[in-house]
Amino acid sequence: MDTINVTAAPKTATFQMRINPEVKQQVESIYARQGLTFTDAVNIFIQQSLNVEGLPFLASPENEAYLKAKAMRRLMDEVQRGWDTAEQEGWVSEEDAYRQLGVDE
């Protein structure tokens, strides 16, 4: 699925929400200090949600365990790809690795 660029996408739909006026004022002040409007911040939230295909932050302790497991799975997949590549294309010696990286031993 292609990720939509929220900033560049045509804005033809509307979204309304109710919020406490004091909360709205406080959050607008926070975003203004960063040069953003409330709408900018909501669009950033939406873009990040699309980028990660979910909430762009931890919402509960249960999510922390899930994200750790997901990160470990990605790490192990990457390690496996490294092993597979080394088996198929040959191993690089420590000396060759230093040379390729331009590092003196």
PDB file of N, CA and C in Angstrom:
ATOM      1  N   MET A   1       0.842  -1.176   0.000  1.00  0.00           N
ATOM      2  CA  MET A   1       0.000   0.000   0.000  1.00  0.00           C
ATOM      3  C   MET A   1       0.889   1.242   0.000  1.00  0.00           C
ATOM      4  N   ASP A   2       0.632   2.166  -0.893  1.00  0.00           N
ATOM      5  CA  ASP A   2       1.380   3.412  -0.936  1.00  0.00           C
ATOM      6  C   ASP A   2       0.926   4.323   0.189  1.00  0.00           C
ATOM      7  N   THR A   3       1.907   4.933   0.861  1.00  0.00           N
ATOM      8  CA  THR A   3       1.585   5.876   1.926  1.00  0.00           C
ATOM      9  C   THR A   3       1.232   7.218   1.313  1.00  0.00           C
ATOM     10  N   ILE A   4       0.169   7.806   1.785  1.00  0.00           N
ATOM     11  CA  ILE A   4      -0.279   9.107   1.302  1.00  0.00           C
ATOM     12  C   ILE A   4       0.541  10.189   1.978  1.00  0.00           C
ATOM     13  N   ASN A   5       0.927  11.210   1.213  1.00  0.00           N
ATOM     14  CA  ASN A   5       1.572  12.390   1.790  1.00  0.00           C
ATOM     15  C   ASN A   5       0.450  13.332   2.206  1.00  0.00           C
ATOM     16  N   VAL A   6       0.204  13.394   3.493  1.00  0.00           N
ATOM     17  CA  VAL A   6      -0.920  14.169   4.023  1.00  0.00           C
ATOM     18  C   VAL A   6      -0.800  15.643   3.647  1.00  0.00           C
ATOM     19  N   THR A   7       0.411  16.169   3.667  1.00  0.00           N
ATOM     20  CA  THR A   7       0.614  17.584   3.351  1.00  0.00           C
ATOM     21  C   THR A   7       0.226  17.901   1.910  1.00  0.00           C
ATOM     22  N   ALA A   8       0.581  17.013   0.991  1.00  0.00           N
ATOM     23  CA  ALA A   8       0.346  17.278  -0.429  1.00  0.00           C
ATOM     24  C   ALA A   8      -1.038  16.816  -0.912  1.00  0.00           C
ATOM     25  N   ALA A   9      -1.695  15.975  -0.144  1.00  0.00           N
ATOM     26  CA  ALA A   9      -2.991  15.427  -0.569  1.00  0.00           C
ATOM     27  C   ALA A   9      -4.047  16.526  -0.600  1.00  0.00           C
ATOM     28  N   PRO A  10      -4.974  16.461  -1.586  1.00  0.00           N
ATOM     29  CA  PRO A  10      -6.055  17.446  -1.634  1.00  0.00           C
ATOM     30  C   PRO A  10      -6.905  17.370  -0.367  1.00  0.00           C
ATOM     31  N   LYS A  11      -7.302  18.513   0.122  1.00  0.00           N
ATOM     32  CA  LYS A  11      -8.104  18.591   1.356  1.00  0.00           C
ATOM     33  C   LYS A  11      -9.558  18.865   0.968  1.00  0.00           C
ATOM     34  N   THR A  12     -10.336  17.782   0.802  1.00  0.00           N
ATOM     35  CA  THR A  12     -11.719  17.941   0.374  1.00  0.00           C
ATOM     36  C   THR A  12     -12.721  17.421   1.399  1.00  0.00           C
ATOM     37  N   ALA A  13     -12.250  16.747   2.451  1.00  0.00           N
ATOM     38  CA  ALA A  13     -13.147  16.245   3.499  1.00  0.00           C
ATOM     39  C   ALA A  13     -12.931  17.073   4.765  1.00  0.00           C
ATOM     40  N   THR A  14     -13.950  17.109   5.610  1.00  0.00           N
ATOM     41  CA  THR A  14     -13.825  17.831   6.876  1.00  0.00           C
ATOM     42  C   THR A  14     -13.917  16.846   8.026  1.00  0.00           C
ATOM     43  N   PHE A  15     -13.352  17.267   9.146  1.00  0.00           N
ATOM     44  CA  PHE A  15     -13.377  16.478  10.368  1.00  0.00           C
ATOM     45  C   PHE A  15     -13.641  17.431  11.518  1.00  0.00           C
ATOM     46  N   GLN A  16     -14.634  17.135  12.325  1.00  0.00           N
ATOM     47  CA  GLN A  16     -14.946  17.978  13.472  1.00  0.00           C
ATOM     48  C   GLN A  16     -14.823  17.147  14.732  1.00  0.00           C
ATOM     49  N   MET A  17     -14.392  17.807  15.812  1.00  0.00           N
ATOM     50  CA  MET A  17     -14.327  17.130  17.099  1.00  0.00           C
ATOM     51  C   MET A  17     -14.646  18.120  18.202  1.00  0.00           C
ATOM     52  N   ARG A  18     -15.076  17.608  19.310  1.00  0.00           N
ATOM     53  CA  ARG A  18     -15.339  18.455  20.470  1.00  0.00           C
ATOM     54  C   ARG A  18     -14.146  18.348  21.405  1.00  0.00           C
ATOM     55  N   ILE A  19     -13.759  19.493  21.966  1.00  0.00           N
ATOM     56  CA  ILE A  19     -12.627  19.533  22.882  1.00  0.00           C
ATOM     57  C   ILE A  19     -12.876  20.630  23.905  1.00  0.00           C
ATOM     58  N   ASN A  20     -12.408  20.435  25.100  1.00  0.00           N
ATOM     59  CA  ASN A  20     -12.530  21.441  26.141  1.00  0.00           C
ATOM     60  C   ASN A  20     -11.775  22.692  25.704  1.00  0.00           C
ATOM     61  N   PRO A  21     -12.382  23.874  25.802  1.00  0.00           N
ATOM     62  CA  PRO A  21     -11.737  25.101  25.335  1.00  0.00           C
ATOM     63  C   PRO A  21     -10.388  25.381  26.011  1.00  0.00           C
ATOM     64  N   GLU A  22     -10.274  25.067  27.301  1.00  0.00           N
ATOM     65  CA  GLU A  22      -9.007  25.297  27.998  1.00  0.00           C
ATOM     66  C   GLU A  22      -7.918  24.361  27.481  1.00  0.00           C
ATOM     67  N   VAL A  23      -8.291  23.120  27.247  1.00  0.00           N
ATOM     68  CA  VAL A  23      -7.341  22.151  26.700  1.00  0.00           C
ATOM     69  C   VAL A  23      -6.902  22.603  25.304  1.00  0.00           C
ATOM     70  N   LYS A  24      -7.864  23.030  24.501  1.00  0.00           N
ATOM     71  CA  LYS A  24      -7.556  23.501  23.147  1.00  0.00           C
ATOM     72  C   LYS A  24      -6.583  24.669  23.198  1.00  0.00           C
ATOM     73  N   GLN A  25      -6.823  25.616  24.072  1.00  0.00           N
ATOM     74  CA  GLN A  25      -5.945  26.781  24.188  1.00  0.00           C
ATOM     75  C   GLN A  25      -4.535  26.357  24.605  1.00  0.00           C
ATOM     76  N   GLN A  26      -4.440  25.452  25.566  1.00  0.00           N
ATOM     77  CA  GLN A  26      -3.129  24.994  26.023  1.00  0.00           C
ATOM     78  C   GLN A  26      -2.355  24.286  24.912  1.00  0.00           C
ATOM     79  N   VAL A  27      -3.046  23.401  24.202  1.00  0.00           N
ATOM     80  CA  VAL A  27      -2.363  22.642  23.157  1.00  0.00           C
ATOM     81  C   VAL A  27      -1.992  23.558  21.978  1.00  0.00           C
ATOM     82  N   GLU A  28      -2.849  24.523  21.663  1.00  0.00           N
ATOM     83  CA  GLU A  28      -2.508  25.477  20.601  1.00  0.00           C
ATOM     84  C   GLU A  28      -1.264  26.283  20.980  1.00  0.00           C
ATOM     85  N   SER A  29      -1.153  26.624  22.253  1.00  0.00           N
ATOM     86  CA  SER A  29       0.020  27.355  22.726  1.00  0.00           C
ATOM     87  C   SER A  29       1.282  26.505  22.598  1.00  0.00           C
ATOM     88  N   ILE A  30       1.191  25.248  22.954  1.00  0.00           N
ATOM     89  CA  ILE A  30       2.340  24.336  22.827  1.00  0.00           C
ATOM     90  C   ILE A  30       2.775  24.227  21.374  1.00  0.00           C
ATOM     91  N   TYR A  31       1.827  24.008  20.477  1.00  0.00           N
ATOM     92  CA  TYR A  31       2.161  23.859  19.057  1.00  0.00           C
ATOM     93  C   TYR A  31       2.670  25.165  18.465  1.00  0.00           C
ATOM     94  N   ALA A  32       2.112  26.284  18.887  1.00  0.00           N
ATOM     95  CA  ALA A  32       2.534  27.591  18.369  1.00  0.00           C
ATOM     96  C   ALA A  32       4.012  27.839  18.678  1.00  0.00           C
ATOM     97  N   ARG A  33       4.469  27.400  19.856  1.00  0.00           N
ATOM     98  CA  ARG A  33       5.885  27.564  20.206  1.00  0.00           C
ATOM     99  C   ARG A  33       6.792  26.792  19.253  1.00  0.00           C
ATOM    100  N   GLN A  34       6.226  25.806  18.576  1.00  0.00           N
ATOM    101  CA  GLN A  34       6.979  25.018  17.605  1.00  0.00           C
ATOM    102  C   GLN A  34       6.669  25.444  16.171  1.00  0.00           C
ATOM    103  N   GLY A  35       5.924  26.543  16.035  1.00  0.00           N
ATOM    104  CA  GLY A  35       5.594  27.052  14.709  1.00  0.00           C
ATOM    105  C   GLY A  35       4.496  26.284  14.008  1.00  0.00           C
ATOM    106  N   LEU A  36       3.668  25.580  14.779  1.00  0.00           N
ATOM    107  CA  LEU A  36       2.606  24.762  14.198  1.00  0.00           C
ATOM    108  C   LEU A  36       1.242  25.241  14.658  1.00  0.00           C
ATOM    109  N   THR A  37       0.245  25.002  13.824  1.00  0.00           N
ATOM    110  CA  THR A  37      -1.136  25.194  14.235  1.00  0.00           C
ATOM    111  C   THR A  37      -1.661  23.863  14.767  1.00  0.00           C
ATOM    112  N   PHE A  38      -2.811  23.912  15.398  1.00  0.00           N
ATOM    113  CA  PHE A  38      -3.455  22.683  15.865  1.00  0.00           C
ATOM    114  C   PHE A  38      -3.714  21.763  14.665  1.00  0.00           C
ATOM    115  N   THR A  39      -4.156  22.329  13.557  1.00  0.00           N
ATOM    116  CA  THR A  39      -4.403  21.548  12.343  1.00  0.00           C
ATOM    117  C   THR A  39      -3.120  20.903  11.839  1.00  0.00           C
ATOM    118  N   ASP A  40      -2.004  21.651  11.851  1.00  0.00           N
ATOM    119  CA  ASP A  40      -0.707  21.077  11.453  1.00  0.00           C
ATOM    120  C   ASP A  40      -0.386  19.854  12.316  1.00  0.00           C
ATOM    121  N   ALA A  41      -0.574  20.002  13.628  1.00  0.00           N
ATOM    122  CA  ALA A  41      -0.256  18.912  14.554  1.00  0.00           C
ATOM    123  C   ALA A  41      -1.129  17.687  14.288  1.00  0.00           C
ATOM    124  N   VAL A  42      -2.404  17.906  14.035  1.00  0.00           N
ATOM    125  CA  VAL A  42      -3.304  16.786  13.732  1.00  0.00           C
ATOM    126  C   VAL A  42      -2.866  16.109  12.434  1.00  0.00           C
ATOM    127  N   ASN A  43      -2.490  16.894  11.429  1.00  0.00           N
ATOM    128  CA  ASN A  43      -2.017  16.312  10.172  1.00  0.00           C
ATOM    129  C   ASN A  43      -0.720  15.527  10.366  1.00  0.00           C
ATOM    130  N   ILE A  44       0.159  15.996  11.243  1.00  0.00           N
ATOM    131  CA  ILE A  44       1.386  15.254  11.543  1.00  0.00           C
ATOM    132  C   ILE A  44       1.026  13.928  12.207  1.00  0.00           C
ATOM    133  N   PHE A  45       0.095  13.975  13.157  1.00  0.00           N
ATOM    134  CA  PHE A  45      -0.362  12.752  13.821  1.00  0.00           C
ATOM    135  C   PHE A  45      -0.913  11.763  12.789  1.00  0.00           C
ATOM    136  N   ILE A  46      -1.730  12.255  11.868  1.00  0.00           N
ATOM    137  CA  ILE A  46      -2.317  11.395  10.838  1.00  0.00           C
ATOM    138  C   ILE A  46      -1.225  10.814   9.947  1.00  0.00           C
ATOM    139  N   GLN A  47      -0.263  11.662   9.523  1.00  0.00           N
ATOM    140  CA  GLN A  47       0.818  11.181   8.656  1.00  0.00           C
ATOM    141  C   GLN A  47       1.629  10.096   9.361  1.00  0.00           C
ATOM    142  N   GLN A  48       1.982  10.335  10.623  1.00  0.00           N
ATOM    143  CA  GLN A  48       2.754   9.338  11.359  1.00  0.00           C
ATOM    144  C   GLN A  48       1.953   8.050  11.560  1.00  0.00           C
ATOM    145  N   SER A  49       0.650   8.165  11.768  1.00  0.00           N
ATOM    146  CA  SER A  49      -0.203   6.979  11.889  1.00  0.00           C
ATOM    147  C   SER A  49      -0.167   6.166  10.603  1.00  0.00           C
ATOM    148  N   LEU A  50      -0.215   6.858   9.460  1.00  0.00           N
ATOM    149  CA  LEU A  50      -0.116   6.171   8.178  1.00  0.00           C
ATOM    150  C   LEU A  50       1.260   5.538   8.002  1.00  0.00           C
ATOM    151  N   ASN A  51       2.308   6.263   8.398  1.00  0.00           N
ATOM    152  CA  ASN A  51       3.675   5.760   8.231  1.00  0.00           C
ATOM    153  C   ASN A  51       3.904   4.471   9.011  1.00  0.00           C
ATOM    154  N   VAL A  52       3.400   4.411  10.245  1.00  0.00           N
ATOM    155  CA  VAL A  52       3.637   3.240  11.091  1.00  0.00           C
ATOM    156  C   VAL A  52       2.464   2.271  11.084  1.00  0.00           C
ATOM    157  N   GLU A  53       1.402   2.639  10.370  1.00  0.00           N
ATOM    158  CA  GLU A  53       0.190   1.830  10.276  1.00  0.00           C
ATOM    159  C   GLU A  53      -0.384   1.526  11.659  1.00  0.00           C
ATOM    160  N   GLY A  54      -0.477   2.571  12.468  1.00  0.00           N
ATOM    161  CA  GLY A  54      -1.027   2.447  13.809  1.00  0.00           C
ATOM    162  C   GLY A  54      -0.793   3.739  14.566  1.00  0.00           C
ATOM    163  N   LEU A  55      -0.985   3.678  15.873  1.00  0.00           N
ATOM    164  CA  LEU A  55      -0.709   4.860  16.682  1.00  0.00           C
ATOM    165  C   LEU A  55       0.787   5.143  16.647  1.00  0.00           C
ATOM    166  N   PRO A  56       1.175   6.404  16.507  1.00  0.00           N
ATOM    167  CA  PRO A  56       2.597   6.722  16.410  1.00  0.00           C
ATOM    168  C   PRO A  56       3.278   6.875  17.777  1.00  0.00           C
ATOM    169  N   PHE A  57       2.709   6.274  18.806  1.00  0.00           N
ATOM    170  CA  PHE A  57       3.280   6.325  20.146  1.00  0.00           C
ATOM    171  C   PHE A  57       2.707   5.168  20.950  1.00  0.00           C
ATOM    172  N   LEU A  58       3.353   4.872  22.091  1.00  0.00           N
ATOM    173  CA  LEU A  58       2.837   3.826  22.967  1.00  0.00           C
ATOM    174  C   LEU A  58       1.600   4.335  23.692  1.00  0.00           C
ATOM    175  N   ALA A  59       0.543   3.564  23.667  1.00  0.00           N
ATOM    176  CA  ALA A  59      -0.694   3.977  24.322  1.00  0.00           C
ATOM    177  C   ALA A  59      -0.902   3.262  25.650  1.00  0.00           C
ATOM    178  N   SER A  60      -0.203   2.158  25.856  1.00  0.00           N
ATOM    179  CA  SER A  60      -0.367   1.417  27.109  1.00  0.00           C
ATOM    180  C   SER A  60       0.841   0.507  27.322  1.00  0.00           C
ATOM    181  N   PRO A  61       1.020   0.015  28.543  1.00  0.00           N
ATOM    182  CA  PRO A  61       2.133  -0.911  28.803  1.00  0.00           C
ATOM    183  C   PRO A  61       2.060  -2.177  27.951  1.00  0.00           C
ATOM    184  N   GLU A  62       0.857  -2.614  27.595  1.00  0.00           N
ATOM    185  CA  GLU A  62       0.727  -3.801  26.750  1.00  0.00           C
ATOM    186  C   GLU A  62       1.369  -3.567  25.383  1.00  0.00           C
ATOM    187  N   ASN A  63       1.269  -2.351  24.865  1.00  0.00           N
ATOM    188  CA  ASN A  63       1.872  -2.043  23.576  1.00  0.00           C
ATOM    189  C   ASN A  63       3.390  -2.122  23.652  1.00  0.00           C
ATOM    190  N   GLU A  64       3.964  -1.787  24.812  1.00  0.00           N
ATOM    191  CA  GLU A  64       5.413  -1.821  24.962  1.00  0.00           C
ATOM    192  C   GLU A  64       5.937  -3.238  24.714  1.00  0.00           C
ATOM    193  N   ALA A  65       5.287  -4.233  25.283  1.00  0.00           N
ATOM    194  CA  ALA A  65       5.711  -5.620  25.089  1.00  0.00           C
ATOM    195  C   ALA A  65       5.586  -6.014  23.619  1.00  0.00           C
ATOM    196  N   TYR A  66       4.504  -5.607  22.984  1.00  0.00           N
ATOM    197  CA  TYR A  66       4.306  -5.909  21.565  1.00  0.00           C
ATOM    198  C   TYR A  66       5.404  -5.274  20.717  1.00  0.00           C
ATOM    199  N   LEU A  67       5.699  -3.994  20.980  1.00  0.00           N
ATOM    200  CA  LEU A  67       6.721  -3.312  20.191  1.00  0.00           C
ATOM    201  C   LEU A  67       8.109  -3.905  20.416  1.00  0.00           C
ATOM    202  N   LYS A  68       8.404  -4.330  21.640  1.00  0.00           N
ATOM    203  CA  LYS A  68       9.684  -4.990  21.896  1.00  0.00           C
ATOM    204  C   LYS A  68       9.771  -6.295  21.113  1.00  0.00           C
ATOM    205  N   ALA A  69       8.694  -7.066  21.129  1.00  0.00           N
ATOM    206  CA  ALA A  69       8.677  -8.327  20.387  1.00  0.00           C
ATOM    207  C   ALA A  69       8.812  -8.074  18.887  1.00  0.00           C
ATOM    208  N   LYS A  70       8.140  -7.048  18.392  1.00  0.00           N
ATOM    209  CA  LYS A  70       8.224  -6.701  16.970  1.00  0.00           C
ATOM    210  C   LYS A  70       9.647  -6.270  16.609  1.00  0.00           C
ATOM    211  N   ALA A  71      10.269  -5.456  17.465  1.00  0.00           N
ATOM    212  CA  ALA A  71      11.641  -5.015  17.216  1.00  0.00           C
ATOM    213  C   ALA A  71      12.600  -6.203  17.228  1.00  0.00           C
ATOM    214  N   MET A  72      12.404  -7.123  18.165  1.00  0.00           N
ATOM    215  CA  MET A  72      13.259  -8.310  18.231  1.00  0.00           C
ATOM    216  C   MET A  72      13.087  -9.164  16.986  1.00  0.00           C
ATOM    217  N   ARG A  73      11.861  -9.300  16.519  1.00  0.00           N
ATOM    218  CA  ARG A  73      11.611 -10.076  15.303  1.00  0.00           C
ATOM    219  C   ARG A  73      12.322  -9.437  14.105  1.00  0.00           C
ATOM    220  N   ARG A  74      12.247  -8.103  13.995  1.00  0.00           N
ATOM    221  CA  ARG A  74      12.923  -7.409  12.896  1.00  0.00           C
ATOM    222  C   ARG A  74      14.427  -7.581  12.993  1.00  0.00           C
ATOM    223  N   LEU A  75      14.974  -7.493  14.216  1.00  0.00           N
ATOM    224  CA  LEU A  75      16.409  -7.677  14.414  1.00  0.00           C
ATOM    225  C   LEU A  75      16.829  -9.082  14.008  1.00  0.00           C
ATOM    226  N   MET A  76      16.086 -10.079  14.458  1.00  0.00           N
ATOM    227  CA  MET A  76      16.441 -11.461  14.131  1.00  0.00           C
ATOM    228  C   MET A  76      16.312 -11.736  12.634  1.00  0.00           C
ATOM    229  N   ASP A  77      15.322 -11.147  11.980  1.00  0.00           N
ATOM    230  CA  ASP A  77      15.193 -11.281  10.521  1.00  0.00           C
ATOM    231  C   ASP A  77      16.403 -10.675   9.819  1.00  0.00           C
ATOM    232  N   GLU A  78      16.860  -9.516  10.310  1.00  0.00           N
ATOM    233  CA  GLU A  78      18.024  -8.854   9.712  1.00  0.00           C
ATOM    234  C   GLU A  78      19.290  -9.677   9.934  1.00  0.00           C
ATOM    235  N   VAL A  79      19.440 -10.231  11.129  1.00  0.00           N
ATOM    236  CA  VAL A  79      20.592 -11.096  11.409  1.00  0.00           C
ATOM    237  C   VAL A  79      20.559 -12.305  10.477  1.00  0.00           C
ATOM    238  N   GLN A  80      19.398 -12.900  10.301  1.00  0.00           N
ATOM    239  CA  GLN A  80      19.283 -14.061   9.415  1.00  0.00           C
ATOM    240  C   GLN A  80      19.643 -13.700   7.978  1.00  0.00           C
ATOM    241  N   ARG A  81      19.176 -12.524   7.520  1.00  0.00           N
ATOM    242  CA  ARG A  81      19.539 -12.085   6.167  1.00  0.00           C
ATOM    243  C   ARG A  81      21.052 -11.943   6.042  1.00  0.00           C
ATOM    244  N   GLY A  82      21.695 -11.441   7.098  1.00  0.00           N
ATOM    245  CA  GLY A  82      23.156 -11.324   7.090  1.00  0.00           C
ATOM    246  C   GLY A  82      23.831 -12.674   6.975  1.00  0.00           C
ATOM    247  N   TRP A  83      23.373 -13.628   7.766  1.00  0.00           N
ATOM    248  CA  TRP A  83      23.935 -14.982   7.685  1.00  0.00           C
ATOM    249  C   TRP A  83      23.716 -15.565   6.294  1.00  0.00           C
ATOM    250  N   ASP A  84      22.495 -15.435   5.778  1.00  0.00           N
ATOM    251  CA  ASP A  84      22.185 -15.988   4.454  1.00  0.00           C
ATOM    252  C   ASP A  84      23.070 -15.371   3.377  1.00  0.00           C
ATOM    253  N   THR A  85      23.250 -14.048   3.432  1.00  0.00           N
ATOM    254  CA  THR A  85      24.094 -13.362   2.453  1.00  0.00           C
ATOM    255  C   THR A  85      25.531 -13.844   2.564  1.00  0.00           C
ATOM    256  N   ALA A  86      26.020 -13.974   3.786  1.00  0.00           N
ATOM    257  CA  ALA A  86      27.397 -14.436   3.990  1.00  0.00           C
ATOM    258  C   ALA A  86      27.571 -15.852   3.455  1.00  0.00           C
ATOM    259  N   GLU A  87      26.573 -16.703   3.675  1.00  0.00           N
ATOM    260  CA  GLU A  87      26.653 -18.077   3.167  1.00  0.00           C
ATOM    261  C   GLU A  87      26.636 -18.109   1.643  1.00  0.00           C
ATOM    262  N   GLN A  88      25.842 -17.244   1.022  1.00  0.00           N
ATOM    263  CA  GLN A  88      25.716 -17.235  -0.435  1.00  0.00           C
ATOM    264  C   GLN A  88      26.880 -16.538  -1.116  1.00  0.00           C
ATOM    265  N   GLU A  89      27.312 -15.414  -0.549  1.00  0.00           N
ATOM    266  CA  GLU A  89      28.312 -14.576  -1.217  1.00  0.00           C
ATOM    267  C   GLU A  89      29.698 -14.694  -0.603  1.00  0.00           C
ATOM    268  N   GLY A  90      29.815 -15.400   0.470  1.00  0.00           N
ATOM    269  CA  GLY A  90      31.102 -15.584   1.122  1.00  0.00           C
ATOM    270  C   GLY A  90      31.282 -14.609   2.270  1.00  0.00           C
ATOM    271  N   TRP A  91      32.103 -15.028   3.198  1.00  0.00           N
ATOM    272  CA  TRP A  91      32.365 -14.247   4.397  1.00  0.00           C
ATOM    273  C   TRP A  91      33.437 -13.212   4.110  1.00  0.00           C
ATOM    274  N   VAL A  92      33.382 -12.112   4.803  1.00  0.00           N
ATOM    275  CA  VAL A  92      34.396 -11.067   4.693  1.00  0.00           C
ATOM    276  C   VAL A  92      35.295 -11.187   5.915  1.00  0.00           C
ATOM    277  N   SER A  93      36.597 -11.213   5.668  1.00  0.00           N
ATOM    278  CA  SER A  93      37.517 -11.306   6.799  1.00  0.00           C
ATOM    279  C   SER A  93      37.517  -9.990   7.572  1.00  0.00           C
ATOM    280  N   GLU A  94      37.992 -10.047   8.790  1.00  0.00           N
ATOM    281  CA  GLU A  94      38.065  -8.842   9.613  1.00  0.00           C
ATOM    282  C   GLU A  94      38.950  -7.793   8.948  1.00  0.00           C
ATOM    283  N   GLU A  95      40.053  -8.239   8.383  1.00  0.00           N
ATOM    284  CA  GLU A  95      40.965  -7.313   7.703  1.00  0.00           C
ATOM    285  C   GLU A  95      40.282  -6.639   6.510  1.00  0.00           C
ATOM    286  N   ASP A  96      39.543  -7.441   5.715  1.00  0.00           N
ATOM    287  CA  ASP A  96      38.827  -6.878   4.563  1.00  0.00           C
ATOM    288  C   ASP A  96      37.749  -5.884   5.008  1.00  0.00           C
ATOM    289  N   ALA A  97      37.072  -6.194   6.118  1.00  0.00           N
ATOM    290  CA  ALA A  97      36.045  -5.288   6.626  1.00  0.00           C
ATOM    291  C   ALA A  97      36.664  -3.955   7.011  1.00  0.00           C
ATOM    292  N   TYR A  98      37.804  -3.981   7.738  1.00  0.00           N
ATOM    293  CA  TYR A  98      38.488  -2.747   8.093  1.00  0.00           C
ATOM    294  C   TYR A  98      38.899  -1.973   6.844  1.00  0.00           C
ATOM    295  N   ARG A  99      39.442  -2.691   5.855  1.00  0.00           N
ATOM    296  CA  ARG A  99      39.890  -2.046   4.619  1.00  0.00           C
ATOM    297  C   ARG A  99      38.706  -1.400   3.884  1.00  0.00           C
ATOM    298  N   GLN A 100      37.598  -2.128   3.765  1.00  0.00           N
ATOM    299  CA  GLN A 100      36.435  -1.603   3.064  1.00  0.00           C
ATOM    300  C   GLN A 100      35.837  -0.379   3.773  1.00  0.00           C
ATOM    301  N   LEU A 101      35.956  -0.358   5.085  1.00  0.00           N
ATOM    302  CA  LEU A 101      35.428   0.768   5.858  1.00  0.00           C
ATOM    303  C   LEU A 101      36.434   1.908   5.990  1.00  0.00           C
ATOM    304  N   GLY A 102      37.671   1.644   5.513  1.00  0.00           N
ATOM    305  CA  GLY A 102      38.689   2.690   5.585  1.00  0.00           C
ATOM    306  C   GLY A 102      39.170   2.946   7.004  1.00  0.00           C
ATOM    307  N   VAL A 103      39.181   1.882   7.819  1.00  0.00           N
ATOM    308  CA  VAL A 103      39.587   2.010   9.218  1.00  0.00           C
ATOM    309  C   VAL A 103      40.930   1.306   9.400  1.00  0.00           C
ATOM    310  N   ASP A 104      41.850   1.981  10.075  1.00  0.00           N
ATOM    311  CA  ASP A 104      43.130   1.358  10.409  1.00  0.00           C
ATOM    312  C   ASP A 104      42.916   0.393  11.562  1.00  0.00           C
ATOM    313  N   GLU A 105      43.539  -0.755  11.472  1.00  0.00           N
ATOM    314  CA  GLU A 105      43.391  -1.757  12.549  1.00  0.00           C
ATOM    315  C   GLU A 105      44.062  -1.325  13.813  1.00  0.00           C
TER     316      GLU A 105
END
